[in-house]
Protein backbone atom coordinates (compact mmCIF):
# COMPACT_ATOMS: atom_id res chain seq x y z
CA MET A 1 102.10 150.92 83.26
CA GLN A 2 100.07 153.72 84.68
CA ILE A 3 100.67 154.10 88.32
CA ASP A 4 98.61 155.87 91.16
CA VAL A 5 100.63 158.74 91.84
CA GLU A 6 99.33 159.25 95.46
CA ARG A 7 100.51 155.62 96.15
CA SER A 8 103.85 155.64 94.41
CA LYS A 9 106.33 156.01 97.27
CA LYS A 10 109.82 154.93 96.61
CA VAL A 11 110.11 151.20 96.72
CA LYS A 12 112.92 149.90 99.10
CA SER A 13 111.48 146.53 100.28
CA ILE A 14 109.76 143.51 98.68
CA LEU A 15 108.17 140.36 100.21
CA VAL A 16 107.73 137.46 97.70
CA THR A 17 105.04 134.98 99.11
CA LEU A 18 107.01 131.89 97.96
CA PRO A 19 109.74 129.82 99.50
CA LYS A 20 113.32 131.13 98.80
CA PRO A 21 114.71 129.67 95.62
CA GLU A 22 117.34 126.86 95.97
CA ASN A 23 119.87 128.71 93.99
CA ASP A 24 120.71 132.47 93.30
CA LYS A 25 119.47 132.44 89.57
CA SER A 26 116.01 133.96 90.40
CA PRO A 27 115.26 137.04 88.52
CA TYR A 28 114.23 138.69 91.86
CA PHE A 29 117.72 138.63 93.11
CA THR A 30 118.80 140.50 89.93
CA LEU A 31 116.09 142.97 90.41
CA ALA A 32 117.06 143.48 94.19
CA GLU A 33 120.71 144.03 93.24
CA LYS A 34 119.72 146.48 90.34
CA TYR A 35 117.66 148.73 92.48
CA ASN A 36 119.30 148.09 95.97
CA LEU A 37 116.16 146.58 97.45
CA LYS A 38 115.61 144.57 100.72
CA LEU A 39 114.36 141.24 99.26
CA ASP A 40 112.72 138.43 101.38
CA PHE A 41 110.88 135.28 100.38
CA ARG A 42 108.53 133.55 102.57
CA GLY A 43 106.07 130.69 101.67
CA PHE A 44 102.42 131.77 102.72
CA ILE A 45 101.38 128.28 101.88
CA HIS A 46 102.97 124.73 101.72
CA VAL A 47 102.04 121.44 100.30
CA GLU A 48 101.48 118.25 102.26
CA GLY A 49 101.16 114.74 100.41
CA VAL A 50 98.16 112.62 100.32
CA SER A 51 98.82 109.16 101.69
CA ALA A 52 98.47 106.21 99.26
CA LYS A 53 95.90 104.80 101.47
CA ASP A 54 93.88 107.95 100.90
CA VAL A 55 94.41 107.78 97.30
CA ARG A 56 93.25 104.20 97.05
CA LYS A 57 89.85 105.23 98.98
CA GLU A 58 89.08 107.49 95.87
CA LYS A 59 89.45 104.38 93.67
CA VAL A 60 91.96 105.76 91.21
CA ASN A 61 93.77 103.01 89.76
CA PHE A 62 97.03 104.23 88.19
CA ALA A 63 97.34 101.28 85.83
CA ASP A 64 93.99 102.22 84.01
CA TYR A 65 95.82 105.36 82.45
CA SER A 66 98.02 105.67 79.38
CA ALA A 67 99.15 109.16 79.92
CA VAL A 68 99.54 111.83 82.77
CA ILE A 69 99.38 115.53 82.67
CA PHE A 70 101.65 117.58 84.86
CA THR A 71 100.99 121.12 85.78
CA SER A 72 103.62 121.65 88.54
CA LYS A 73 106.87 120.17 90.14
CA ASN A 74 104.75 119.30 93.22
CA ALA A 75 102.36 117.06 90.87
CA VAL A 76 105.51 115.17 89.44
CA ASP A 77 106.98 114.76 93.06
CA HIS A 78 103.66 113.44 94.43
CA PHE A 79 102.84 111.28 91.57
CA PHE A 80 106.12 109.25 91.75
CA ARG A 81 106.00 109.39 95.67
CA VAL A 82 102.55 107.80 95.59
CA CYS A 83 103.58 105.23 92.95
CA GLU A 84 106.47 104.24 95.34
CA GLU A 85 104.16 104.02 98.28
CA MET A 86 101.76 101.82 96.28
CA ARG A 87 104.64 99.85 94.89
CA PHE A 88 103.10 100.56 91.52
CA GLU A 89 105.71 100.18 88.74
CA VAL A 90 105.26 103.02 86.16
CA SER A 91 105.08 101.60 82.80
CA ALA A 92 107.74 102.70 80.20
CA GLU A 93 104.86 103.27 77.74
CA LEU A 94 103.25 105.80 79.87
CA LYS A 95 103.03 109.33 77.98
CA TYR A 96 103.87 112.52 79.75
CA PHE A 97 102.11 115.89 78.97
CA CYS A 98 103.72 118.78 80.76
CA ILE A 99 102.48 122.44 80.96
CA SER A 100 105.96 123.73 80.31
CA GLU A 101 109.63 122.63 79.28
CA THR A 102 110.82 123.29 82.89
CA ILE A 103 108.30 120.60 84.28
CA ALA A 104 109.19 118.16 81.42
CA LEU A 105 112.83 118.47 82.26
CA TYR A 106 112.12 118.02 85.97
CA LEU A 107 110.91 114.43 85.09
CA GLN A 108 114.65 113.52 84.69
CA LYS A 109 114.59 113.25 88.52
CA TYR A 110 112.52 110.21 88.18
CA ILE A 111 112.69 108.67 84.63
CA GLN A 112 115.13 108.11 81.74
CA TYR A 113 114.20 111.31 79.92
CA ARG A 114 115.24 110.32 76.42
CA LYS A 115 113.64 106.91 76.72
CA ARG A 116 110.12 108.01 77.33
CA LYS A 117 107.40 109.74 75.44
CA ILE A 118 107.24 113.28 76.79
CA PHE A 119 105.39 116.36 75.24
CA PHE A 120 105.24 119.95 76.60
CA GLY A 121 103.73 123.40 76.13
CA LYS A 122 104.72 126.83 76.93
CA GLN A 123 102.74 127.51 80.03
CA THR A 124 99.07 126.51 79.90
CA ALA A 125 97.02 123.34 79.06
CA GLN A 126 95.83 125.26 75.76
CA ASP A 127 99.58 125.41 74.60
CA LEU A 128 99.42 121.67 74.72
CA GLU A 129 96.54 121.67 72.21
CA ASP A 130 98.14 120.57 69.12
CA VAL A 131 99.92 117.80 70.80
CA LEU A 132 96.78 116.64 72.85
CA LYS A 133 94.78 116.59 69.60
CA LYS A 134 97.10 113.81 68.19
CA HIS A 135 96.82 111.92 71.39
CA ASN A 136 92.92 112.32 72.05
CA LYS A 137 92.39 108.69 72.55
CA GLU A 138 94.53 108.45 75.49
CA LYS A 139 93.16 108.10 79.06
CA PHE A 140 94.71 110.91 80.99
CA LEU A 141 95.41 111.00 84.70
CA PHE A 142 95.68 114.56 86.25
CA PRO A 143 97.53 114.66 89.52
CA CYS A 144 96.66 117.89 91.26
CA SER A 145 96.10 119.45 94.81
CA ASP A 146 92.80 119.99 96.53
CA VAL A 147 92.85 123.48 95.15
CA ALA A 148 93.40 122.14 91.61
CA ASN A 149 93.89 124.59 88.58
CA GLU A 150 90.19 124.84 87.60
CA GLU A 151 91.20 126.55 84.43
CA THR A 152 93.26 123.59 83.06
CA GLN A 153 90.26 121.11 84.18
CA ARG A 154 87.65 123.20 82.59
CA TRP A 155 89.72 123.39 79.38
CA LEU A 156 90.32 119.67 79.25
CA GLN A 157 86.48 119.11 80.02
CA GLU A 158 85.35 121.41 77.35
CA ASN A 159 87.62 119.82 74.72
CA GLY A 160 86.21 116.36 75.53
CA TYR A 161 89.36 114.78 76.92
CA ASP A 162 89.14 111.55 79.00
CA PHE A 163 90.72 112.57 82.04
CA THR A 164 90.50 111.93 85.99
CA PRO A 165 91.74 114.42 88.54
CA ALA A 166 93.72 112.60 91.42
CA VAL A 167 94.25 114.69 94.47
CA LEU A 168 97.79 113.60 95.68
CA PHE A 169 98.68 116.78 97.67
CA ARG A 170 97.08 119.43 99.65
CA THR A 171 97.78 123.14 99.93
CA VAL A 172 98.03 124.15 103.55
CA ILE A 173 98.09 127.58 105.12
CA SER A 174 101.58 128.41 106.57
CA ASP A 175 102.14 129.93 110.02
CA ILE A 176 103.46 133.29 109.28
CA LYS A 177 102.45 135.23 112.36
CA ASP A 178 105.92 136.30 113.12
CA LEU A 179 105.70 138.73 110.34
CA LYS A 180 103.16 140.92 112.37
CA ASP A 181 105.30 143.87 112.87
CA VAL A 182 107.34 143.57 109.61
CA PHE A 183 106.31 145.87 106.84
CA TYR A 184 107.31 145.87 103.19
CA ASP A 185 106.75 148.34 100.27
CA ILE A 186 105.66 145.65 98.01
CA ILE A 187 103.98 142.22 98.86
CA VAL A 188 104.02 139.78 95.84
CA PHE A 189 101.06 137.06 95.54
CA PHE A 190 100.69 134.20 93.27
CA SER A 191 97.66 132.17 94.30
CA PRO A 192 94.36 132.77 95.97
CA SER A 193 95.50 130.53 98.69
CA SER A 194 98.42 132.85 99.46
CA VAL A 195 95.94 135.64 99.79
CA GLN A 196 93.72 133.37 102.06
CA SER A 197 96.90 132.87 104.19
CA LEU A 198 97.42 136.56 104.69
CA TYR A 199 93.93 136.89 106.22
CA GLU A 200 94.16 133.67 108.20
CA ASN A 201 97.18 134.87 109.86
CA PHE A 202 96.39 138.56 110.00
CA PRO A 203 92.45 138.96 109.99
CA ASP A 204 92.87 142.77 110.65
CA PHE A 205 95.49 143.46 107.88
CA VAL A 206 95.24 146.86 106.59
CA GLN A 207 97.04 147.68 103.32
CA ASN A 208 97.82 151.32 103.93
CA ASN A 209 100.83 152.27 101.73
CA THR A 210 101.80 148.61 101.03
CA ARG A 211 101.76 148.01 97.34
CA VAL A 212 100.33 144.70 96.09
CA ALA A 213 101.40 142.74 93.22
CA ALA A 214 99.58 139.66 91.87
CA PHE A 215 100.14 137.18 89.08
CA GLY A 216 97.08 135.62 87.44
CA ALA A 217 93.50 136.52 87.08
CA THR A 218 92.32 134.24 89.96
CA THR A 219 94.90 135.71 92.52
CA GLN A 220 94.01 139.24 91.50
CA GLN A 221 90.30 138.44 91.80
CA ALA A 222 91.03 137.10 95.43
CA LEU A 223 92.69 140.28 96.41
CA LEU A 224 90.10 142.59 95.16
CA GLU A 225 87.30 140.40 96.92
CA HIS A 226 89.22 141.41 100.14
CA GLY A 227 89.10 145.06 99.18
CA LEU A 228 92.74 145.37 98.47
CA ILE A 229 94.22 147.79 96.04
CA LEU A 230 95.98 145.91 93.07
CA ASP A 231 98.90 148.21 92.22
CA ILE A 232 100.93 145.67 90.10
CA PRO A 233 98.98 143.08 87.94
CA ALA A 234 100.80 140.56 85.79
CA PRO A 235 100.95 139.04 83.17
CA THR A 236 100.17 142.07 80.87
CA PRO A 237 101.05 142.58 77.19
CA ASN A 238 104.04 144.83 78.27
CA ALA A 239 105.09 142.57 81.29
CA PRO A 240 104.60 138.84 80.80
CA SER A 241 106.54 138.13 84.05
CA MET A 242 106.04 139.35 87.55
CA THR A 243 109.55 140.59 87.76
CA MET A 244 109.03 142.63 84.62
CA ALA A 245 105.84 144.23 86.01
CA ILE A 246 107.66 145.08 89.36
CA GLU A 247 110.61 146.56 87.54
CA GLN A 248 108.40 148.77 85.45
CA TYR A 249 106.60 149.93 88.53
CA ILE A 250 109.93 150.61 90.42
CA LYS A 251 111.15 152.60 87.48
CA GLN A 252 108.36 155.08 87.77
CA ALA A 253 108.06 155.15 91.64
CA ASN A 254 111.77 155.44 92.37
CA LYS A 255 112.47 158.34 89.84
């Protein structure tokens, strides 16, 4: 990673714009310990469920679908929540297509994993391509938020799959105004919505020496549109994860 020498001041603190992990296995904790960093987590956005009543208004009938595509744990939680609110009994024949194994395993919270038809990819809808090809006659339900992953929807559309997006939860800007006088060497973003939150909470935000890290093309684009300098992009060929990209940066900046 080539870093801007003029901006490469020593990194002592990092703010990750996500809720704090429930356990201490996050690679961010390992990173903080290794380089003696102050590490804070703070969700810049949060999710609120859409009521079953509002889902009914959209005329989405869950019984019409033979398969469901999950791209997040939130989608899993809110699908089963809405099913419960509707008193809709999920068929044992329903097929589950998950964007990653982590999300597939998360289904155990709601169903008998070994007795269901569950398929998963590595990280994107394209990873599911081979599996989906064998099931291209299915009618797919795609539970999502109001800021749904356009990339996944576009890919499903372009490849001719019969799918229906169902907005089951909304992404809401969190109140983070208490961070006004708190400064970090690196702030890490994961979605365009978290960038929007920064500017809704702090319209006059000035980057100065704060380094910005961003995961994914849409997040990076949102930052650039606000005129911010993107110091640490991920994923890259040399750094497939955000923590790897940050560590490569710190190795150079903290020499």
